Amino acid sequence: NVIEIAAEYDPDSRGGDPADGRKVKGATLHWVDAATALDAEVRLYD
């Protein structure tokens, strides 16, 4: 089972836009900082 993903970031893309204006082909992902994240229970209803 996958337990951890490794990635590299572009330091010149702060805010989500690359400095050289290149086109980003991947999706926009939401995230939460592990250092400050809060645990929560979430209930999904149908």
ModelCIF file with pLDDT and N, C-alpha, C, O atoms, coordinates in Angstrom:
data_MODEL
#
_entry.id   MODEL 
#
_entity.id                         1 
_entity.type                       polymer 
_entity.pdbx_number_of_molecules   1 
#
_entity_poly.entity_id                      1 
_entity_poly.type                           'polypeptide(L)' 
_entity_poly.nstd_linkage                   no 
_entity_poly.nstd_monomer                   no 
_entity_poly.pdbx_seq_one_letter_code       NVIEIAAEYDPDSRGGDPADGRKVKGATLHWVDAATALDAEVRLYD 
_entity_poly.pdbx_seq_one_letter_code_can   NVIEIAAEYDPDSRGGDPADGRKVKGATLHWVDAATALDAEVRLYD 
_entity_poly.pdbx_strand_id                 A 
#
loop_
_entity_poly_seq.entity_id 
_entity_poly_seq.num 
_entity_poly_seq.mon_id 
_entity_poly_seq.hetero 
1 1  ASN n 
1 2  VAL n 
1 3  ILE n 
1 4  GLU n 
1 5  ILE n 
1 6  ALA n 
1 7  ALA n 
1 8  GLU n 
1 9  TYR n 
1 10 ASP n 
1 11 PRO n 
1 12 ASP n 
1 13 SER n 
1 14 ARG n 
1 15 GLY n 
1 16 GLY n 
1 17 ASP n 
1 18 PRO n 
1 19 ALA n 
1 20 ASP n 
1 21 GLY n 
1 22 ARG n 
1 23 LYS n 
1 24 VAL n 
1 25 LYS n 
1 26 GLY n 
1 27 ALA n 
1 28 THR n 
1 29 LEU n 
1 30 HIS n 
1 31 TRP n 
1 32 VAL n 
1 33 ASP n 
1 34 ALA n 
1 35 ALA n 
1 36 THR n 
1 37 ALA n 
1 38 LEU n 
1 39 ASP n 
1 40 ALA n 
1 41 GLU n 
1 42 VAL n 
1 43 ARG n 
1 44 LEU n 
1 45 TYR n 
1 46 ASP n 
#
_struct_asym.id          A 
_struct_asym.entity_id   1 
#
loop_
_ma_qa_metric.id 
_ma_qa_metric.mode 
_ma_qa_metric.name 
_ma_qa_metric.software_group_id 
_ma_qa_metric.type 
1 global pLDDT . pLDDT 
2 local  pLDDT . pLDDT 
#
_ma_qa_metric_global.metric_id      1 
_ma_qa_metric_global.metric_value   95.43 
_ma_qa_metric_global.model_id       1 
_ma_qa_metric_global.ordinal_id     1 
#
loop_
_ma_qa_metric_local.label_asym_id 
_ma_qa_metric_local.label_comp_id 
_ma_qa_metric_local.label_seq_id 
_ma_qa_metric_local.metric_id 
_ma_qa_metric_local.metric_value 
_ma_qa_metric_local.model_id 
_ma_qa_metric_local.ordinal_id 
A ASN 1  2 94.00 1 1  
A VAL 2  2 96.00 1 2  
A ILE 3  2 96.00 1 3  
A GLU 4  2 97.00 1 4  
A ILE 5  2 98.00 1 5  
A ALA 6  2 98.00 1 6  
A ALA 7  2 98.00 1 7  
A GLU 8  2 98.00 1 8  
A TYR 9  2 97.00 1 9  
A ASP 10 2 97.00 1 10 
A PRO 11 2 96.00 1 11 
A ASP 12 2 96.00 1 12 
A SER 13 2 96.00 1 13 
A ARG 14 2 95.00 1 14 
A GLY 15 2 90.00 1 15 
A GLY 16 2 87.00 1 16 
A ASP 17 2 88.00 1 17 
A PRO 18 2 91.00 1 18 
A ALA 19 2 90.00 1 19 
A ASP 20 2 91.00 1 20 
A GLY 21 2 90.00 1 21 
A ARG 22 2 91.00 1 22 
A LYS 23 2 93.00 1 23 
A VAL 24 2 93.00 1 24 
A LYS 25 2 93.00 1 25 
A GLY 26 2 95.00 1 26 
A ALA 27 2 95.00 1 27 
A THR 28 2 96.00 1 28 
A LEU 29 2 97.00 1 29 
A HIS 30 2 97.00 1 30 
A TRP 31 2 98.00 1 31 
A VAL 32 2 98.00 1 32 
A ASP 33 2 98.00 1 33 
A ALA 34 2 98.00 1 34 
A ALA 35 2 97.00 1 35 
A THR 36 2 97.00 1 36 
A ALA 37 2 97.00 1 37 
A LEU 38 2 97.00 1 38 
A ASP 39 2 98.00 1 39 
A ALA 40 2 98.00 1 40 
A GLU 41 2 98.00 1 41 
A VAL 42 2 98.00 1 42 
A ARG 43 2 98.00 1 43 
A LEU 44 2 98.00 1 44 
A TYR 45 2 97.00 1 45 
A ASP 46 2 96.00 1 46 
#
loop_
_atom_site.group_PDB 
_atom_site.id 
_atom_site.type_symbol 
_atom_site.label_atom_id 
_atom_site.label_alt_id 
_atom_site.label_comp_id 
_atom_site.label_asym_id 
_atom_site.label_entity_id 
_atom_site.label_seq_id 
_atom_site.pdbx_PDB_ins_code 
_atom_site.Cartn_x 
_atom_site.Cartn_y 
_atom_site.Cartn_z 
_atom_site.occupancy 
_atom_site.B_iso_or_equiv 
_atom_site.pdbx_formal_charge 
_atom_site.auth_seq_id 
_atom_site.auth_comp_id 
_atom_site.auth_asym_id 
_atom_site.auth_atom_id 
_atom_site.pdbx_PDB_model_num 
ATOM 1   N N  . ASN A 1 1  ? 0.838   -1.202 0.000   1.00 94.00 ? 1  ASN A N  1 
ATOM 2   C CA . ASN A 1 1  ? 0.000   0.000  0.000   1.00 94.00 ? 1  ASN A CA 1 
ATOM 3   C C  . ASN A 1 1  ? 0.873   1.251  0.000   1.00 94.00 ? 1  ASN A C  1 
ATOM 4   O O  . ASN A 1 1  ? 1.864   1.332  0.725   1.00 94.00 ? 1  ASN A O  1 
ATOM 5   N N  . VAL A 1 2  ? 0.491   2.218  -0.819  1.00 96.00 ? 2  VAL A N  1 
ATOM 6   C CA . VAL A 1 2  ? 1.226   3.475  -0.881  1.00 96.00 ? 2  VAL A CA 1 
ATOM 7   C C  . VAL A 1 2  ? 1.016   4.241  0.417   1.00 96.00 ? 2  VAL A C  1 
ATOM 8   O O  . VAL A 1 2  ? -0.121  4.479  0.824   1.00 96.00 ? 2  VAL A O  1 
ATOM 9   N N  . ILE A 1 3  ? 2.099   4.623  1.062   1.00 96.00 ? 3  ILE A N  1 
ATOM 10  C CA . ILE A 1 3  ? 2.005   5.350  2.331   1.00 96.00 ? 3  ILE A CA 1 
ATOM 11  C C  . ILE A 1 3  ? 2.617   6.746  2.251   1.00 96.00 ? 3  ILE A C  1 
ATOM 12  O O  . ILE A 1 3  ? 2.408   7.565  3.146   1.00 96.00 ? 3  ILE A O  1 
ATOM 13  N N  . GLU A 1 4  ? 3.371   7.023  1.187   1.00 97.00 ? 4  GLU A N  1 
ATOM 14  C CA . GLU A 1 4  ? 3.998   8.336  1.081   1.00 97.00 ? 4  GLU A CA 1 
ATOM 15  C C  . GLU A 1 4  ? 4.343   8.617  -0.382  1.00 97.00 ? 4  GLU A C  1 
ATOM 16  O O  . GLU A 1 4  ? 4.793   7.743  -1.122  1.00 97.00 ? 4  GLU A O  1 
ATOM 17  N N  . ILE A 1 5  ? 4.114   9.873  -0.764  1.00 98.00 ? 5  ILE A N  1 
ATOM 18  C CA . ILE A 1 5  ? 4.427   10.307 -2.119  1.00 98.00 ? 5  ILE A CA 1 
ATOM 19  C C  . ILE A 1 5  ? 5.596   11.283 -2.044  1.00 98.00 ? 5  ILE A C  1 
ATOM 20  O O  . ILE A 1 5  ? 5.646   12.132 -1.154  1.00 98.00 ? 5  ILE A O  1 
ATOM 21  N N  . ALA A 1 6  ? 6.512   11.164 -2.957  1.00 98.00 ? 6  ALA A N  1 
ATOM 22  C CA . ALA A 1 6  ? 7.638   12.109 -3.027  1.00 98.00 ? 6  ALA A CA 1 
ATOM 23  C C  . ALA A 1 6  ? 7.448   13.014 -4.237  1.00 98.00 ? 6  ALA A C  1 
ATOM 24  O O  . ALA A 1 6  ? 7.030   12.569 -5.305  1.00 98.00 ? 6  ALA A O  1 
ATOM 25  N N  . ALA A 1 7  ? 7.762   14.290 -4.048  1.00 98.00 ? 7  ALA A N  1 
ATOM 26  C CA . ALA A 1 7  ? 7.616   15.255 -5.143  1.00 98.00 ? 7  ALA A CA 1 
ATOM 27  C C  . ALA A 1 7  ? 8.677   16.326 -5.004  1.00 98.00 ? 7  ALA A C  1 
ATOM 28  O O  . ALA A 1 7  ? 9.255   16.509 -3.932  1.00 98.00 ? 7  ALA A O  1 
ATOM 29  N N  . GLU A 1 8  ? 8.929   17.029 -6.089  1.00 98.00 ? 8  GLU A N  1 
ATOM 30  C CA . GLU A 1 8  ? 9.806   18.192 -6.086  1.00 98.00 ? 8  GLU A CA 1 
ATOM 31  C C  . GLU A 1 8  ? 9.002   19.406 -6.506  1.00 98.00 ? 8  GLU A C  1 
ATOM 32  O O  . GLU A 1 8  ? 8.090   19.312 -7.327  1.00 98.00 ? 8  GLU A O  1 
ATOM 33  N N  . TYR A 1 9  ? 9.354   20.553 -5.929  1.00 97.00 ? 9  TYR A N  1 
ATOM 34  C CA . TYR A 1 9  ? 8.610   21.773 -6.264  1.00 97.00 ? 9  TYR A CA 1 
ATOM 35  C C  . TYR A 1 9  ? 9.488   22.733 -7.045  1.00 97.00 ? 9  TYR A C  1 
ATOM 36  O O  . TYR A 1 9  ? 10.715  22.647 -7.012  1.00 97.00 ? 9  TYR A O  1 
ATOM 37  N N  . ASP A 1 10 ? 8.843   23.640 -7.741  1.00 97.00 ? 10 ASP A N  1 
ATOM 38  C CA . ASP A 1 10 ? 9.537   24.699 -8.462  1.00 97.00 ? 10 ASP A CA 1 
ATOM 39  C C  . ASP A 1 10 ? 9.544   25.945 -7.586  1.00 97.00 ? 10 ASP A C  1 
ATOM 40  O O  . ASP A 1 10 ? 8.491   26.558 -7.410  1.00 97.00 ? 10 ASP A O  1 
ATOM 41  N N  . PRO A 1 11 ? 10.681  26.343 -7.032  1.00 96.00 ? 11 PRO A N  1 
ATOM 42  C CA . PRO A 1 11 ? 10.731  27.503 -6.136  1.00 96.00 ? 11 PRO A CA 1 
ATOM 43  C C  . PRO A 1 11 ? 10.294  28.792 -6.812  1.00 96.00 ? 11 PRO A C  1 
ATOM 44  O O  . PRO A 1 11 ? 9.921   29.749 -6.134  1.00 96.00 ? 11 PRO A O  1 
ATOM 45  N N  . ASP A 1 12 ? 10.335  28.831 -8.154  1.00 96.00 ? 12 ASP A N  1 
ATOM 46  C CA . ASP A 1 12 ? 9.964   30.047 -8.883  1.00 96.00 ? 12 ASP A CA 1 
ATOM 47  C C  . ASP A 1 12 ? 8.500   30.019 -9.330  1.00 96.00 ? 12 ASP A C  1 
ATOM 48  O O  . ASP A 1 12 ? 8.124   30.699 -10.285 1.00 96.00 ? 12 ASP A O  1 
ATOM 49  N N  . SER A 1 13 ? 7.691   29.241 -8.644  1.00 96.00 ? 13 SER A N  1 
ATOM 50  C CA . SER A 1 13 ? 6.278   29.170 -9.040  1.00 96.00 ? 13 SER A CA 1 
ATOM 51  C C  . SER A 1 13 ? 5.354   29.531 -7.879  1.00 96.00 ? 13 SER A C  1 
ATOM 52  O O  . SER A 1 13 ? 4.210   29.081 -7.818  1.00 96.00 ? 13 SER A O  1 
ATOM 53  N N  . ARG A 1 14 ? 5.865   30.349 -6.962  1.00 95.00 ? 14 ARG A N  1 
ATOM 54  C CA . ARG A 1 14 ? 5.052   30.724 -5.800  1.00 95.00 ? 14 ARG A CA 1 
ATOM 55  C C  . ARG A 1 14 ? 3.729   31.326 -6.251  1.00 95.00 ? 14 ARG A C  1 
ATOM 56  O O  . ARG A 1 14 ? 3.699   32.173 -7.145  1.00 95.00 ? 14 ARG A O  1 
ATOM 57  N N  . GLY A 1 15 ? 2.649   30.894 -5.640  1.00 90.00 ? 15 GLY A N  1 
ATOM 58  C CA . GLY A 1 15 ? 1.316   31.332 -6.037  1.00 90.00 ? 15 GLY A CA 1 
ATOM 59  C C  . GLY A 1 15 ? 0.703   30.431 -7.089  1.00 90.00 ? 15 GLY A C  1 
ATOM 60  O O  . GLY A 1 15 ? -0.478  30.558 -7.409  1.00 90.00 ? 15 GLY A O  1 
ATOM 61  N N  . GLY A 1 16 ? 1.513   29.507 -7.635  1.00 87.00 ? 16 GLY A N  1 
ATOM 62  C CA . GLY A 1 16 ? 0.982   28.544 -8.580  1.00 87.00 ? 16 GLY A CA 1 
ATOM 63  C C  . GLY A 1 16 ? 1.231   28.845 -10.037 1.00 87.00 ? 16 GLY A C  1 
ATOM 64  O O  . GLY A 1 16 ? 0.773   28.106 -10.908 1.00 87.00 ? 16 GLY A O  1 
ATOM 65  N N  . ASP A 1 17 ? 1.960   29.933 -10.324 1.00 88.00 ? 17 ASP A N  1 
ATOM 66  C CA . ASP A 1 17 ? 2.245   30.285 -11.721 1.00 88.00 ? 17 ASP A CA 1 
ATOM 67  C C  . ASP A 1 17 ? 3.755   30.230 -11.962 1.00 88.00 ? 17 ASP A C  1 
ATOM 68  O O  . ASP A 1 17 ? 4.512   30.873 -11.234 1.00 88.00 ? 17 ASP A O  1 
ATOM 69  N N  . PRO A 1 18 ? 4.207   29.476 -12.968 1.00 91.00 ? 18 PRO A N  1 
ATOM 70  C CA . PRO A 1 18 ? 5.650   29.379 -13.242 1.00 91.00 ? 18 PRO A CA 1 
ATOM 71  C C  . PRO A 1 18 ? 6.203   30.705 -13.759 1.00 91.00 ? 18 PRO A C  1 
ATOM 72  O O  . PRO A 1 18 ? 5.540   31.423 -14.509 1.00 91.00 ? 18 PRO A O  1 
ATOM 73  N N  . ALA A 1 19 ? 7.417   31.010 -13.348 1.00 90.00 ? 19 ALA A N  1 
ATOM 74  C CA . ALA A 1 19 ? 8.038   32.284 -13.735 1.00 90.00 ? 19 ALA A CA 1 
ATOM 75  C C  . ALA A 1 19 ? 8.235   32.389 -15.237 1.00 90.00 ? 19 ALA A C  1 
ATOM 76  O O  . ALA A 1 19 ? 8.174   33.486 -15.792 1.00 90.00 ? 19 ALA A O  1 
ATOM 77  N N  . ASP A 1 20 ? 8.470   31.262 -15.905 1.00 91.00 ? 20 ASP A N  1 
ATOM 78  C CA . ASP A 1 20 ? 8.720   31.311 -17.348 1.00 91.00 ? 20 ASP A CA 1 
ATOM 79  C C  . ASP A 1 20 ? 7.435   31.234 -18.174 1.00 91.00 ? 20 ASP A C  1 
ATOM 80  O O  . ASP A 1 20 ? 7.483   31.232 -19.404 1.00 91.00 ? 20 ASP A O  1 
ATOM 81  N N  . GLY A 1 21 ? 6.286   31.172 -17.493 1.00 90.00 ? 21 GLY A N  1 
ATOM 82  C CA . GLY A 1 21 ? 5.010   31.182 -18.203 1.00 90.00 ? 21 GLY A CA 1 
ATOM 83  C C  . GLY A 1 21 ? 4.655   29.879 -18.887 1.00 90.00 ? 21 GLY A C  1 
ATOM 84  O O  . GLY A 1 21 ? 3.723   29.851 -19.691 1.00 90.00 ? 21 GLY A O  1 
ATOM 85  N N  . ARG A 1 22 ? 5.366   28.793 -18.596 1.00 91.00 ? 22 ARG A N  1 
ATOM 86  C CA . ARG A 1 22 ? 5.063   27.529 -19.267 1.00 91.00 ? 22 ARG A CA 1 
ATOM 87  C C  . ARG A 1 22 ? 3.670   27.020 -18.885 1.00 91.00 ? 22 ARG A C  1 
ATOM 88  O O  . ARG A 1 22 ? 3.138   27.338 -17.821 1.00 91.00 ? 22 ARG A O  1 
ATOM 89  N N  . LYS A 1 23 ? 3.113   26.238 -19.769 1.00 93.00 ? 23 LYS A N  1 
ATOM 90  C CA . LYS A 1 23 ? 1.779   25.700 -19.566 1.00 93.00 ? 23 LYS A CA 1 
ATOM 91  C C  . LYS A 1 23 ? 1.835   24.526 -18.595 1.00 93.00 ? 23 LYS A C  1 
ATOM 92  O O  . LYS A 1 23 ? 2.692   23.651 -18.719 1.00 93.00 ? 23 LYS A O  1 
ATOM 93  N N  . VAL A 1 24 ? 0.928   24.510 -17.639 1.00 93.00 ? 24 VAL A N  1 
ATOM 94  C CA . VAL A 1 24 ? 0.848   23.423 -16.660 1.00 93.00 ? 24 VAL A CA 1 
ATOM 95  C C  . VAL A 1 24 ? -0.229  22.450 -17.122 1.00 93.00 ? 24 VAL A C  1 
ATOM 96  O O  . VAL A 1 24 ? -1.397  22.815 -17.250 1.00 93.00 ? 24 VAL A O  1 
ATOM 97  N N  . LYS A 1 25 ? 0.175   21.221 -17.368 1.00 93.00 ? 25 LYS A N  1 
ATOM 98  C CA . LYS A 1 25 ? -0.753  20.231 -17.917 1.00 93.00 ? 25 LYS A CA 1 
ATOM 99  C C  . LYS A 1 25 ? -1.499  19.429 -16.839 1.00 93.00 ? 25 LYS A C  1 
ATOM 100 O O  . LYS A 1 25 ? -2.535  18.823 -17.113 1.00 93.00 ? 25 LYS A O  1 
ATOM 101 N N  . GLY A 1 26 ? -0.967  19.434 -15.631 1.00 95.00 ? 26 GLY A N  1 
ATOM 102 C CA . GLY A 1 26 ? -1.601  18.652 -14.568 1.00 95.00 ? 26 GLY A CA 1 
ATOM 103 C C  . GLY A 1 26 ? -2.733  19.395 -13.873 1.00 95.00 ? 26 GLY A C  1 
ATOM 104 O O  . GLY A 1 26 ? -3.008  20.557 -14.174 1.00 95.00 ? 26 GLY A O  1 
ATOM 105 N N  . ALA A 1 27 ? -3.375  18.719 -12.955 1.00 95.00 ? 27 ALA A N  1 
ATOM 106 C CA . ALA A 1 27 ? -4.524  19.270 -12.239 1.00 95.00 ? 27 ALA A CA 1 
ATOM 107 C C  . ALA A 1 27 ? -4.089  20.187 -11.102 1.00 95.00 ? 27 ALA A C  1 
ATOM 108 O O  . ALA A 1 27 ? -2.924  20.206 -10.704 1.00 95.00 ? 27 ALA A O  1 
ATOM 109 N N  . THR A 1 28 ? -5.055  20.944 -10.590 1.00 96.00 ? 28 THR A N  1 
ATOM 110 C CA . THR A 1 28 ? -4.852  21.731 -9.379  1.00 96.00 ? 28 THR A CA 1 
ATOM 111 C C  . THR A 1 28 ? -5.350  20.910 -8.201  1.00 96.00 ? 28 THR A C  1 
ATOM 112 O O  . THR A 1 28 ? -6.496  20.462 -8.188  1.00 96.00 ? 28 THR A O  1 
ATOM 113 N N  . LEU A 1 29 ? -4.488  20.715 -7.214  1.00 97.00 ? 29 LEU A N  1 
ATOM 114 C CA . LEU A 1 29 ? -4.803  19.857 -6.085  1.00 97.00 ? 29 LEU A CA 1 
ATOM 115 C C  . LEU A 1 29 ? -4.932  20.659 -4.801  1.00 97.00 ? 29 LEU A C  1 
ATOM 116 O O  . LEU A 1 29 ? -4.205  21.628 -4.583  1.00 97.00 ? 29 LEU A O  1 
ATOM 117 N N  . HIS A 1 30 ? -5.875  20.241 -3.945  1.00 97.00 ? 30 HIS A N  1 
ATOM 118 C CA . HIS A 1 30 ? -5.946  20.861 -2.625  1.00 97.00 ? 30 HIS A CA 1 
ATOM 119 C C  . HIS A 1 30 ? -5.042  20.073 -1.678  1.00 97.00 ? 30 HIS A C  1 
ATOM 120 O O  . HIS A 1 30 ? -4.697  18.923 -1.951  1.00 97.00 ? 30 HIS A O  1 
ATOM 121 N N  . TRP A 1 31 ? -4.665  20.692 -0.576  1.00 98.00 ? 31 TRP A N  1 
ATOM 122 C CA . TRP A 1 31 ? -3.678  20.124 0.330   1.00 98.00 ? 31 TRP A CA 1 
ATOM 123 C C  . TRP A 1 31 ? -3.849  20.752 1.712   1.00 98.00 ? 31 TRP A C  1 
ATOM 124 O O  . TRP A 1 31 ? -4.553  21.749 1.872   1.00 98.00 ? 31 TRP A O  1 
ATOM 125 N N  . VAL A 1 32 ? -3.207  20.164 2.687   1.00 98.00 ? 32 VAL A N  1 
ATOM 126 C CA . VAL A 1 32 ? -3.177  20.734 4.032   1.00 98.00 ? 32 VAL A CA 1 
ATOM 127 C C  . VAL A 1 32 ? -1.778  20.524 4.590   1.00 98.00 ? 32 VAL A C  1 
ATOM 128 O O  . VAL A 1 32 ? -1.200  19.448 4.434   1.00 98.00 ? 32 VAL A O  1 
ATOM 129 N N  . ASP A 1 33 ? -1.237  21.535 5.232   1.00 98.00 ? 33 ASP A N  1 
ATOM 130 C CA . ASP A 1 33 ? 0.094   21.459 5.829   1.00 98.00 ? 33 ASP A CA 1 
ATOM 131 C C  . ASP A 1 33 ? 0.086   20.451 6.979   1.00 98.00 ? 33 ASP A C  1 
ATOM 132 O O  . ASP A 1 33 ? -0.701  20.580 7.917   1.00 98.00 ? 33 ASP A O  1 
ATOM 133 N N  . ALA A 1 34 ? 0.948   19.464 6.904   1.00 98.00 ? 34 ALA A N  1 
ATOM 134 C CA . ALA A 1 34 ? 0.987   18.419 7.935   1.00 98.00 ? 34 ALA A CA 1 
ATOM 135 C C  . ALA A 1 34 ? 1.364   18.969 9.303   1.00 98.00 ? 34 ALA A C  1 
ATOM 136 O O  . ALA A 1 34 ? 0.965   18.416 10.328  1.00 98.00 ? 34 ALA A O  1 
ATOM 137 N N  . ALA A 1 35 ? 2.127   20.052 9.327   1.00 97.00 ? 35 ALA A N  1 
ATOM 138 C CA . ALA A 1 35 ? 2.591   20.601 10.607  1.00 97.00 ? 35 ALA A CA 1 
ATOM 139 C C  . ALA A 1 35 ? 1.477   21.279 11.386  1.00 97.00 ? 35 ALA A C  1 
ATOM 140 O O  . ALA A 1 35 ? 1.538   21.350 12.613  1.00 97.00 ? 35 ALA A O  1 
ATOM 141 N N  . THR A 1 36 ? 0.465   21.777 10.698  1.00 97.00 ? 36 THR A N  1 
ATOM 142 C CA . THR A 1 36 ? -0.592  22.540 11.379  1.00 97.00 ? 36 THR A CA 1 
ATOM 143 C C  . THR A 1 36 ? -1.982  21.931 11.203  1.00 97.00 ? 36 THR A C  1 
ATOM 144 O O  . THR A 1 36 ? -2.953  22.442 11.761  1.00 97.00 ? 36 THR A O  1 
ATOM 145 N N  . ALA A 1 37 ? -2.090  20.855 10.440  1.00 97.00 ? 37 ALA A N  1 
ATOM 146 C CA . ALA A 1 37 ? -3.397  20.262 10.147  1.00 97.00 ? 37 ALA A CA 1 
ATOM 147 C C  . ALA A 1 37 ? -4.096  19.787 11.419  1.00 97.00 ? 37 ALA A C  1 
ATOM 148 O O  . ALA A 1 37 ? -3.456  19.392 12.394  1.00 97.00 ? 37 ALA A O  1 
ATOM 149 N N  . LEU A 1 38 ? -5.415  19.836 11.381  1.00 97.00 ? 38 LEU A N  1 
ATOM 150 C CA . LEU A 1 38 ? -6.239  19.345 12.478  1.00 97.00 ? 38 LEU A CA 1 
ATOM 151 C C  . LEU A 1 38 ? -6.933  18.052 12.048  1.00 97.00 ? 38 LEU A C  1 
ATOM 152 O O  . LEU A 1 38 ? -7.356  17.905 10.902  1.00 97.00 ? 38 LEU A O  1 
ATOM 153 N N  . ASP A 1 39 ? -7.036  17.124 12.993  1.00 98.00 ? 39 ASP A N  1 
ATOM 154 C CA . ASP A 1 39 ? -7.782  15.900 12.706  1.00 98.00 ? 39 ASP A CA 1 
ATOM 155 C C  . ASP A 1 39 ? -9.285  16.190 12.775  1.00 98.00 ? 39 ASP A C  1 
ATOM 156 O O  . ASP A 1 39 ? -9.738  17.015 13.567  1.00 98.00 ? 39 ASP A O  1 
ATOM 157 N N  . ALA A 1 40 ? -10.033 15.501 11.937  1.00 98.00 ? 40 ALA A N  1 
ATOM 158 C CA . ALA A 1 40 ? -11.473 15.687 11.932  1.00 98.00 ? 40 ALA A CA 1 
ATOM 159 C C  . ALA A 1 40 ? -12.172 14.403 11.508  1.00 98.00 ? 40 ALA A C  1 
ATOM 160 O O  . ALA A 1 40 ? -11.620 13.578 10.779  1.00 98.00 ? 40 ALA A O  1 
ATOM 161 N N  . GLU A 1 41 ? -13.391 14.263 11.981  1.00 98.00 ? 41 GLU A N  1 
ATOM 162 C CA . GLU A 1 41 ? -14.281 13.213 11.498  1.00 98.00 ? 41 GLU A CA 1 
ATOM 163 C C  . GLU A 1 41 ? -15.222 13.853 10.476  1.00 98.00 ? 41 GLU A C  1 
ATOM 164 O O  . GLU A 1 41 ? -15.756 14.938 10.705  1.00 98.00 ? 41 GLU A O  1 
ATOM 165 N N  . VAL A 1 42 ? -15.414 13.182 9.368   1.00 98.00 ? 42 VAL A N  1 
ATOM 166 C CA . VAL A 1 42 ? -16.277 13.712 8.310   1.00 98.00 ? 42 VAL A CA 1 
ATOM 167 C C  . VAL A 1 42 ? -17.354 12.680 7.996   1.00 98.00 ? 42 VAL A C  1 
ATOM 168 O O  . VAL A 1 42 ? -17.070 11.500 7.794   1.00 98.00 ? 42 VAL A O  1 
ATOM 169 N N  . ARG A 1 43 ? -18.595 13.153 7.961   1.00 98.00 ? 43 ARG A N  1 
ATOM 170 C CA . ARG A 1 43 ? -19.730 12.272 7.691   1.00 98.00 ? 43 ARG A CA 1 
ATOM 171 C C  . ARG A 1 43 ? -20.314 12.595 6.313   1.00 98.00 ? 43 ARG A C  1 
ATOM 172 O O  . ARG A 1 43 ? -20.739 13.719 6.048   1.00 98.00 ? 43 ARG A O  1 
ATOM 173 N N  . LEU A 1 44 ? -20.323 11.604 5.467   1.00 98.00 ? 44 LEU A N  1 
ATOM 174 C CA . LEU A 1 44 ? -20.824 11.753 4.104   1.00 98.00 ? 44 LEU A CA 1 
ATOM 175 C C  . LEU A 1 44 ? -22.206 11.112 4.019   1.00 98.00 ? 44 LEU A C  1 
ATOM 176 O O  . LEU A 1 44 ? -22.373 9.931  4.326   1.00 98.00 ? 44 LEU A O  1 
ATOM 177 N N  . TYR A 1 45 ? -23.191 11.901 3.601   1.00 97.00 ? 45 TYR A N  1 
ATOM 178 C CA . TYR A 1 45 ? -24.574 11.430 3.587   1.00 97.00 ? 45 TYR A CA 1 
ATOM 179 C C  . TYR A 1 45 ? -25.079 11.212 2.171   1.00 97.00 ? 45 TYR A C  1 
ATOM 180 O O  . TYR A 1 45 ? -24.710 11.923 1.236   1.00 97.00 ? 45 TYR A O  1 
ATOM 181 N N  . ASP A 1 46 ? -25.933 10.209 2.045   1.00 96.00 ? 46 ASP A N  1 
ATOM 182 C CA . ASP A 1 46 ? -26.634 9.952  0.796   1.00 96.00 ? 46 ASP A CA 1 
ATOM 183 C C  . ASP A 1 46 ? -28.112 9.802  1.148   1.00 96.00 ? 46 ASP A C  1 
ATOM 184 O O  . ASP A 1 46 ? -28.938 9.577  0.264   1.00 96.00 ? 46 ASP A O  1 
#
